[in-house]
């Protein structure tokens, strides 16, 4: 009897110790996170939040930031390493095609279930959720309201391309007496050309895609709205202080020109708000849609979307995948995480998003509330994007300098797309 009691006590102690051991192990950090960051301007803040998360949870988080314009090549190099990123960016359909086999299916994960919209989720042909948007951005024509008023106009006077053109050409004609011009410089060097070969080219791409109901990157495009592209490009380069023949190598600073009050209009995006708000109040600036003469464009809103979409490495260990999913959820639900996300990336499409004071994103939301349609980011379909844009920039530079015609631009746009599609798909 005594032996039986001792055995029972011993077994009980083993069970108690097992429970405590189990409790202890569940609290230990498992796995690690390696985020290959897409946005260089956010690096400092992300390094700090990574340290905070590790201190709070014990989970190691490494942030590596790719140089501007070098993300794809950096990702390719890093994915070949044994310690590959567990969290990376797959921001457009072309990237899905390239990286889909590396993407963990995010559908119905905890972080996916925190989304307020599925509009920024990218799927492959099987329906796998390859990546989910982690921020929302918008671009258009940033406008100096005070200068516009000095020229005798209100923002409400601009409702379509015809009215934008009339205002811009009048301001340009009176630039000498006003002390400022209509548009900032449209520099075509590498630091600025993306605004026009990428963002401005979105206008003809969006409307063609809307007409033809694109579901994936087409092998060929028609260039239906290239005359509209020409409309707005001509307006930019013919109503600014800079000689259009010098745009290829001029090394201009459009942001600096706008901050100095040298021009009323500046095509750029919501990411400019933090810098511009150091000089201007929300009453002194706004953002209007990019008008180019398309029928019905008076109902257009801003160009809104994202190329910032998180993907999780399906080839990582189970522990690393779970650690990465947990970190992502923390980033979009915790007070610290949502604060940093809001400060660095603007509006995030998650239920617990911190309030964002970005004026330009507020304008985008106001336009949506007023029934305006969003001009989606169709440029994300571009095949071999860097090569396609390089060809377009070269043709635009010849056109600007009077050494080529708009036909050359149209060829670079349409034939260049077909060529790059074949190259990208090894045809």
Protein backbone atom coordinates (compact mmCIF):
# COMPACT_ATOMS: atom_id res chain seq x y z
CA UNK A 1 0.00 0.00 0.00
CA UNK A 2 2.81 2.34 0.90
CA UNK A 3 4.56 1.59 -2.41
CA UNK A 4 1.37 2.32 -4.29
CA UNK A 5 1.01 5.69 -2.58
CA UNK A 6 4.61 6.54 -3.32
CA UNK A 7 4.12 5.57 -6.97
CA UNK A 8 1.01 7.75 -7.20
CA UNK A 9 2.87 10.71 -5.66
CA UNK A 10 5.79 10.21 -8.02
CA UNK A 11 3.53 10.05 -11.05
CA UNK A 12 1.71 13.15 -9.86
CA UNK A 13 4.97 15.04 -9.56
CA UNK A 14 5.97 13.98 -13.05
CA UNK A 15 2.64 15.22 -14.42
CA UNK A 16 2.97 18.55 -12.61
CA UNK A 17 6.51 19.03 -13.86
CA UNK A 18 5.36 18.16 -17.38
CA UNK A 19 2.65 20.81 -17.21
CA UNK A 20 5.14 23.43 -16.05
CA UNK A 21 7.60 22.35 -18.71
CA UNK A 22 4.89 22.63 -21.33
CA UNK A 23 3.94 26.11 -20.14
CA UNK A 24 7.54 27.18 -20.29
CA UNK A 25 8.15 25.83 -23.79
CA UNK A 26 5.05 27.51 -25.20
CA UNK A 27 6.43 30.85 -24.11
CA UNK A 28 9.80 30.34 -25.74
CA UNK A 29 10.49 32.03 -29.04
CA UNK A 30 10.30 29.71 -32.02
CA UNK A 31 11.43 30.69 -35.45
CA UNK A 32 12.76 33.95 -36.76
CA UNK A 33 11.78 36.69 -39.20
CA UNK A 34 13.82 38.11 -42.07
CA UNK A 35 12.04 40.97 -43.87
CA UNK A 36 13.55 42.20 -47.14
CA UNK A 37 12.16 45.73 -47.10
CA UNK A 38 11.05 47.48 -50.30
CA UNK A 39 11.02 51.10 -49.07
CA UNK A 40 14.42 52.64 -48.22
CA UNK A 41 12.84 55.68 -46.55
CA UNK A 42 11.29 53.40 -43.91
CA UNK A 43 14.49 51.59 -42.94
CA UNK A 44 15.32 53.48 -39.74
CA UNK A 45 11.83 53.13 -38.31
CA UNK A 46 11.61 49.45 -39.24
CA UNK A 47 14.96 48.68 -37.61
CA UNK A 48 13.60 50.16 -34.38
CA UNK A 49 10.29 48.31 -34.54
CA UNK A 50 12.15 45.06 -35.21
CA UNK A 51 14.20 45.63 -32.06
CA UNK A 52 11.05 46.44 -30.08
CA UNK A 53 9.33 43.27 -31.27
CA UNK A 54 12.31 41.11 -30.40
CA UNK A 55 12.49 42.66 -26.93
CA UNK A 56 8.78 42.03 -26.41
CA UNK A 57 8.57 38.49 -27.80
CA UNK A 58 12.09 37.11 -27.96
CA UNK A 59 11.68 36.40 -31.68
CA UNK A 60 14.66 37.58 -33.76
CA UNK A 61 13.65 39.98 -36.54
CA UNK A 62 16.14 41.01 -39.20
CA UNK A 63 15.35 43.88 -41.58
CA UNK A 64 17.40 44.25 -44.75
CA UNK A 65 16.53 47.16 -47.04
CA UNK A 66 17.15 46.95 -50.77
CA UNK A 67 18.57 50.01 -52.51
CA UNK A 68 16.11 52.11 -54.48
CA UNK A 69 15.40 50.49 -57.84
CA UNK A 70 17.31 47.34 -56.90
CA UNK A 71 14.64 45.33 -55.10
CA UNK A 72 14.12 42.58 -57.68
CA UNK A 73 17.82 41.91 -58.16
CA UNK A 74 18.39 41.97 -54.39
CA UNK A 75 15.50 39.57 -53.81
CA UNK A 76 16.82 37.18 -56.46
CA UNK A 77 20.24 37.15 -54.83
CA UNK A 78 18.85 36.74 -51.29
CA UNK A 79 16.48 33.92 -52.24
CA UNK A 80 19.46 31.86 -53.40
CA UNK A 81 20.93 31.91 -49.88
CA UNK A 82 20.30 29.33 -47.17
CA UNK A 83 19.10 32.11 -44.85
CA UNK A 84 16.57 33.52 -47.32
CA UNK A 85 13.98 36.20 -46.50
CA UNK A 86 10.87 34.89 -44.79
CA UNK A 87 8.96 38.09 -45.62
CA UNK A 88 9.33 39.89 -48.95
CA UNK A 89 7.42 41.99 -51.47
CA UNK A 90 5.45 40.62 -54.43
CA UNK A 91 3.79 43.80 -55.62
CA UNK A 92 2.35 43.19 -59.09
CA UNK A 93 1.10 40.46 -61.43
CA UNK A 94 4.51 40.10 -63.08
CA UNK A 95 6.10 39.47 -59.69
CA UNK A 96 3.40 36.89 -58.90
CA UNK A 97 4.34 35.07 -62.10
CA UNK A 98 8.01 35.09 -61.06
CA UNK A 99 7.66 34.26 -57.36
CA UNK A 100 4.39 32.34 -56.99
CA UNK A 101 6.15 29.06 -56.20
CA UNK A 102 7.90 30.77 -53.28
CA UNK A 103 4.68 32.28 -51.90
CA UNK A 104 2.89 30.77 -48.93
CA UNK A 105 -0.90 30.86 -49.30
CA UNK A 106 -1.99 33.73 -47.04
CA UNK A 107 -5.72 33.09 -47.47
CA UNK A 108 -7.43 32.79 -44.08
CA UNK A 109 -4.27 33.37 -42.05
CA UNK A 110 -4.71 35.58 -39.00
CA UNK A 111 -3.13 38.59 -40.70
CA UNK A 112 -5.25 38.08 -43.85
CA UNK A 113 -8.37 38.09 -41.68
CA UNK A 114 -7.40 41.54 -40.37
CA UNK A 115 -7.75 43.08 -43.86
CA UNK A 116 -10.54 45.57 -44.48
CA UNK A 117 -10.36 45.07 -48.25
CA UNK A 118 -9.24 42.31 -50.57
CA UNK A 119 -8.62 44.81 -53.37
CA UNK A 120 -4.87 44.73 -52.82
CA UNK A 121 -4.46 40.95 -52.57
CA UNK A 122 -2.61 39.31 -55.46
CA UNK A 123 -3.57 35.77 -56.47
CA UNK A 124 -2.02 33.29 -58.85
CA UNK A 125 -4.02 31.33 -61.42
CA UNK A 126 -4.83 28.61 -58.86
CA UNK A 127 -6.43 31.13 -56.50
CA UNK A 128 -3.57 31.15 -54.00
CA UNK A 129 -3.25 34.44 -52.12
CA UNK A 130 0.39 35.08 -52.94
CA UNK A 131 0.65 38.51 -51.31
CA UNK A 132 -1.44 41.02 -49.38
CA UNK A 133 -1.22 44.80 -49.49
CA UNK A 134 0.24 46.44 -46.42
CA UNK A 135 -0.31 50.04 -47.39
CA UNK A 136 -2.37 52.18 -49.71
CA UNK A 137 -0.98 55.08 -51.72
CA UNK A 138 -2.31 57.61 -54.20
CA UNK A 139 -0.83 59.91 -56.81
CA UNK A 140 -2.10 62.80 -58.86
CA UNK A 141 -1.25 66.46 -59.39
CA UNK A 142 -0.22 68.16 -56.15
CA UNK A 143 -1.46 71.73 -56.25
CA UNK A 144 -0.35 74.89 -54.44
CA UNK A 145 -3.73 76.40 -53.54
CA UNK A 146 -2.32 79.81 -52.59
CA UNK A 147 -0.48 80.26 -55.89
CA UNK A 148 -3.52 79.10 -57.81
CA UNK A 149 -5.58 81.78 -56.07
CA UNK A 150 -2.93 84.40 -56.80
CA UNK A 151 -3.33 83.51 -60.46
CA UNK A 152 -7.07 84.09 -60.14
CA UNK A 153 -8.34 80.52 -59.90
CA UNK A 154 -9.90 78.10 -57.42
CA UNK A 155 -9.33 74.36 -57.28
CA UNK A 156 -13.00 73.91 -58.19
CA UNK A 157 -12.29 75.58 -61.55
CA UNK A 158 -10.37 72.47 -62.63
CA UNK A 159 -12.74 69.63 -63.49
CA UNK A 160 -11.25 67.94 -66.56
CA UNK A 161 -8.40 68.21 -69.04
CA UNK A 162 -9.88 71.19 -70.90
CA UNK A 163 -10.13 73.27 -67.72
CA UNK A 164 -6.70 72.15 -66.47
CA UNK A 165 -5.19 73.09 -69.82
CA UNK A 166 -6.84 76.52 -69.83
CA UNK A 167 -5.60 77.32 -66.32
CA UNK A 168 -2.07 75.98 -66.89
CA UNK A 169 -1.56 77.77 -70.19
CA UNK A 170 -2.79 81.06 -68.73
CA UNK A 171 -0.45 80.79 -65.75
CA UNK A 172 2.47 79.92 -67.99
CA UNK A 173 1.73 82.88 -70.26
CA UNK A 174 1.80 85.19 -67.22
CA UNK A 175 4.71 83.50 -65.42
CA UNK A 176 6.87 86.61 -65.67
CA UNK A 177 4.41 88.85 -63.88
CA UNK A 178 3.17 86.17 -61.45
CA UNK A 179 6.63 85.08 -60.36
CA UNK A 180 5.83 81.37 -60.75
CA UNK A 181 4.97 78.93 -63.53
CA UNK A 182 2.31 76.28 -64.04
CA UNK A 183 4.22 72.98 -63.71
CA UNK A 184 7.39 71.89 -61.98
CA UNK A 185 10.09 70.32 -64.14
CA UNK A 186 9.43 66.94 -65.75
CA UNK A 187 12.97 65.63 -65.43
CA UNK A 188 13.69 62.42 -67.29
CA UNK A 189 16.83 61.37 -65.47
CA UNK A 190 16.69 58.18 -63.39
CA UNK A 191 15.59 59.98 -60.21
CA UNK A 192 12.48 61.43 -61.84
CA UNK A 193 11.53 59.59 -65.04
CA UNK A 194 9.52 56.95 -63.16
CA UNK A 195 6.90 59.64 -62.54
CA UNK A 196 6.16 59.73 -66.25
CA UNK A 197 7.22 56.39 -67.74
CA UNK A 198 5.53 54.65 -64.81
CA UNK A 199 2.90 56.76 -63.10
CA UNK A 200 1.81 58.96 -65.99
CA UNK A 201 1.76 55.99 -68.36
CA UNK A 202 -0.81 54.51 -66.00
CA UNK A 203 -3.42 56.81 -67.53
CA UNK A 204 -3.57 55.21 -71.00
CA UNK A 205 -2.99 51.76 -69.50
CA UNK A 206 -5.83 52.12 -67.00
CA UNK A 207 -8.42 53.18 -69.53
CA UNK A 208 -7.41 50.50 -72.05
CA UNK A 209 -7.49 47.85 -69.33
CA UNK A 210 -10.90 49.07 -68.21
CA UNK A 211 -12.26 48.83 -71.76
CA UNK A 212 -10.78 45.40 -72.43
CA UNK A 213 -11.30 44.01 -68.91
CA UNK A 214 -7.74 42.83 -68.32
CA UNK A 215 -7.43 39.96 -65.88
CA UNK A 216 -3.74 39.37 -66.46
CA UNK A 217 -0.86 40.96 -68.34
CA UNK A 218 -1.80 40.95 -72.04
CA UNK A 219 0.73 39.80 -74.61
CA UNK A 220 -0.05 42.88 -76.70
CA UNK A 221 -1.69 46.25 -76.09
CA UNK A 222 -3.48 48.58 -78.50
CA UNK A 223 -2.39 52.00 -77.29
CA UNK A 224 -6.01 53.20 -77.52
CA UNK A 225 -5.42 56.19 -75.27
CA UNK A 226 -1.93 57.27 -76.31
CA UNK A 227 -3.26 60.55 -77.70
CA UNK A 228 -4.48 61.29 -74.17
CA UNK A 229 -1.01 60.46 -72.85
CA UNK A 230 0.36 62.98 -75.35
CA UNK A 231 -2.20 65.58 -74.21
CA UNK A 232 -1.04 65.63 -70.62
CA UNK A 233 2.67 65.20 -71.42
CA UNK A 234 2.61 68.15 -73.80
CA UNK A 235 0.82 70.20 -71.16
CA UNK A 236 3.54 69.42 -68.61
CA UNK A 237 6.56 70.15 -70.78
CA UNK A 238 5.16 73.19 -72.60
CA UNK A 239 3.96 75.01 -69.49
CA UNK A 240 6.98 74.94 -67.22
CA UNK A 241 10.05 77.14 -66.79
CA UNK A 242 12.50 74.51 -68.07
CA UNK A 243 13.50 73.97 -71.69
CA UNK A 244 11.91 70.67 -72.68
CA UNK A 245 14.97 69.77 -74.75
CA UNK A 246 17.01 69.66 -71.52
CA UNK A 247 14.74 67.30 -69.56
CA UNK A 248 16.77 64.18 -70.37
CA UNK A 249 19.88 65.36 -68.53
CA UNK A 250 18.80 68.50 -66.72
CA UNK A 251 19.04 67.07 -63.20
CA UNK A 252 16.09 69.14 -62.02
CA UNK A 253 14.56 69.02 -58.55
CA UNK A 254 10.78 69.19 -58.98
CA UNK A 255 10.13 68.78 -55.27
CA UNK A 256 12.47 71.66 -54.45
CA UNK A 257 10.77 73.83 -57.07
CA UNK A 258 7.38 73.17 -55.55
CA UNK A 259 8.62 73.82 -52.01
CA UNK A 260 10.12 77.11 -53.18
CA UNK A 261 6.80 78.23 -54.69
CA UNK A 262 8.11 78.24 -58.24
CA UNK A 263 5.17 76.33 -59.72
CA UNK A 264 1.52 75.57 -59.00
CA UNK A 265 1.40 71.92 -60.12
CA UNK A 266 3.63 68.97 -59.23
CA UNK A 267 2.80 65.42 -60.29
CA UNK A 268 3.63 63.09 -57.44
CA UNK A 269 2.09 61.00 -54.69
CA UNK A 270 0.90 60.74 -51.12
CA UNK A 271 4.43 59.80 -50.03
CA UNK A 272 5.36 63.47 -50.55
CA UNK A 273 3.02 64.66 -47.81
CA UNK A 274 5.45 64.42 -44.89
CA UNK A 275 8.07 66.54 -46.67
CA UNK A 276 5.66 69.08 -48.13
CA UNK A 277 3.80 69.53 -44.84
CA UNK A 278 7.00 70.91 -43.31
CA UNK A 279 6.45 73.98 -45.54
CA UNK A 280 2.74 74.03 -46.35
CA UNK A 281 -0.40 73.61 -44.26
CA UNK A 282 -3.27 71.42 -45.40
CA UNK A 283 -5.11 74.57 -46.46
CA UNK A 284 -2.26 75.61 -48.74
CA UNK A 285 -2.07 72.47 -50.86
CA UNK A 286 -4.22 69.68 -52.27
CA UNK A 287 -4.10 66.91 -54.85
CA UNK A 288 -6.25 66.78 -57.97
CA UNK A 289 -6.71 63.92 -60.47
CA UNK A 290 -4.52 63.60 -63.55
CA UNK A 291 -6.83 64.64 -66.37
CA UNK A 292 -5.93 63.73 -69.95
CA UNK A 293 -9.07 64.24 -72.00
CA UNK A 294 -10.85 60.88 -71.63
CA UNK A 295 -14.63 61.02 -71.85
CA UNK A 296 -16.23 61.04 -68.40
CA UNK A 297 -13.00 61.91 -66.58
CA UNK A 298 -14.79 64.59 -64.57
CA UNK A 299 -15.86 61.60 -62.45
CA UNK A 300 -12.30 60.37 -61.95
CA UNK A 301 -10.57 60.24 -58.59
CA UNK A 302 -6.89 59.91 -57.80
CA UNK A 303 -4.65 57.09 -59.00
CA UNK A 304 -4.80 54.78 -56.01
CA UNK A 305 -3.28 51.41 -55.26
CA UNK A 306 -0.12 49.79 -54.01
CA UNK A 307 2.96 47.86 -55.04
CA UNK A 308 3.70 47.16 -51.39
CA UNK A 309 2.38 43.64 -50.85
CA UNK A 310 3.72 41.19 -48.29
CA UNK A 311 4.55 37.62 -49.30
CA UNK A 312 5.75 34.87 -46.96
CA UNK A 313 8.41 32.42 -48.10
CA UNK A 314 6.74 29.03 -48.47
CA UNK A 315 10.17 27.37 -48.46
CA UNK A 316 11.02 28.63 -44.98
CA UNK A 317 10.72 26.29 -42.00
CA UNK A 318 7.32 25.89 -40.34
CA UNK A 319 8.60 27.76 -37.29
CA UNK A 320 9.90 30.65 -39.39
CA UNK A 321 6.65 30.84 -41.36
CA UNK A 322 4.60 30.98 -38.19
CA UNK A 323 6.96 33.52 -36.61
CA UNK A 324 6.62 35.68 -39.73
CA UNK A 325 2.81 35.45 -39.76
CA UNK A 326 2.73 36.36 -36.07
CA UNK A 327 4.99 39.35 -36.69
CA UNK A 328 2.82 40.54 -39.58
CA UNK A 329 -0.31 40.34 -37.44
CA UNK A 330 1.43 42.25 -34.64
CA UNK A 331 2.44 44.96 -37.10
CA UNK A 332 -1.20 45.58 -38.11
CA UNK A 333 -2.90 45.10 -34.73
CA UNK A 334 -0.59 46.31 -31.95
CA UNK A 335 -0.36 49.96 -30.92
CA UNK A 336 3.37 50.13 -31.71
CA UNK A 337 3.04 48.30 -34.99
CA UNK A 338 0.11 50.26 -36.37
CA UNK A 339 1.70 53.55 -35.35
CA UNK A 340 4.86 52.78 -37.32
CA UNK A 341 2.87 51.42 -40.26
CA UNK A 342 0.80 54.58 -40.37
CA UNK A 343 3.76 56.90 -40.05
CA UNK A 344 5.90 55.12 -42.64
CA UNK A 345 3.41 53.77 -45.13
CA UNK A 346 0.30 55.93 -44.83
CA UNK A 347 -3.09 54.27 -44.91
CA UNK A 348 -2.98 50.55 -44.20
CA UNK A 349 -6.00 48.38 -45.15
CA UNK A 350 -6.41 46.73 -41.76
CA UNK A 351 -9.11 46.84 -39.09
CA UNK A 352 -6.87 48.25 -36.36
CA UNK A 353 -5.17 50.88 -38.54
CA UNK A 354 -4.05 53.98 -36.69
CA UNK A 355 -5.67 57.24 -37.77
CA UNK A 356 -3.72 58.78 -40.62
CA UNK A 357 -3.41 62.51 -41.21
CA UNK A 358 -2.05 62.36 -44.75
CA UNK A 359 -3.99 65.05 -46.61
CA UNK A 360 -3.59 63.46 -50.02
CA UNK A 361 -4.93 60.10 -48.86
CA UNK A 362 -7.83 61.89 -47.22
CA UNK A 363 -8.54 63.57 -50.56
CA UNK A 364 -8.56 60.19 -52.25
CA UNK A 365 -11.05 58.85 -49.73
CA UNK A 366 -13.21 61.97 -50.05
CA UNK A 367 -13.39 61.50 -53.82
CA UNK A 368 -14.40 57.87 -53.37
CA UNK A 369 -17.09 58.96 -50.90
CA UNK A 370 -18.33 61.46 -53.50
CA UNK A 371 -18.77 58.66 -56.03
CA UNK A 372 -15.63 59.27 -58.07
CA UNK A 373 -14.03 56.19 -59.61
CA UNK A 374 -10.54 55.16 -58.60
CA UNK A 375 -7.90 55.14 -61.33
CA UNK A 376 -6.27 51.84 -60.38
CA UNK A 377 -2.57 51.11 -60.65
CA UNK A 378 -2.63 49.31 -64.00
CA UNK A 379 1.09 49.98 -64.60
CA UNK A 380 1.75 47.04 -62.26
CA UNK A 381 0.97 44.75 -65.22
CA UNK A 382 4.00 46.00 -67.18
CA UNK A 383 6.20 43.13 -68.41
CA UNK A 384 9.95 43.52 -67.83
CA UNK A 385 9.08 46.85 -66.31
CA UNK A 386 12.56 48.41 -66.18
CA UNK A 387 13.37 47.57 -69.79
CA UNK A 388 9.97 48.70 -71.05
CA UNK A 389 10.25 52.02 -69.23
CA UNK A 390 13.81 52.55 -70.47
CA UNK A 391 12.62 52.23 -74.05
CA UNK A 392 9.75 54.62 -73.41
CA UNK A 393 12.01 57.20 -71.76
CA UNK A 394 14.44 57.09 -74.69
CA UNK A 395 11.61 57.75 -77.17
CA UNK A 396 10.14 60.55 -75.02
CA UNK A 397 13.54 62.21 -74.73
CA UNK A 398 13.88 62.29 -78.53
CA UNK A 399 10.38 63.70 -78.82
CA UNK A 400 11.06 66.40 -76.21
CA UNK A 401 14.28 67.42 -77.95
CA UNK A 402 12.62 67.62 -81.36
CA UNK A 403 14.68 64.72 -82.68
CA UNK A 404 11.82 62.26 -82.90
CA UNK A 405 8.06 62.18 -83.33
CA UNK A 406 5.23 61.01 -81.09
CA UNK A 407 5.05 57.98 -83.38
CA UNK A 408 8.32 56.87 -81.81
CA UNK A 409 6.76 57.11 -78.37
CA UNK A 410 3.75 55.09 -79.50
CA UNK A 411 6.04 52.43 -80.96
CA UNK A 412 8.04 52.22 -77.73
CA UNK A 413 4.79 51.95 -75.82
CA UNK A 414 2.98 49.33 -77.91
CA UNK A 415 5.71 47.38 -79.69
CA UNK A 416 7.92 47.69 -76.65
CA UNK A 417 5.22 46.00 -74.56
CA UNK A 418 4.94 43.09 -76.98
CA UNK A 419 8.72 42.69 -77.11
CA UNK A 420 9.10 42.73 -73.35
CA UNK A 421 6.21 40.33 -72.86
CA UNK A 422 7.94 37.85 -75.18
CA UNK A 423 11.22 38.35 -73.36
CA UNK A 424 9.59 37.90 -69.98
CA UNK A 425 7.81 34.75 -71.10
CA UNK A 426 10.71 33.38 -73.17
CA UNK A 427 8.75 33.34 -76.40
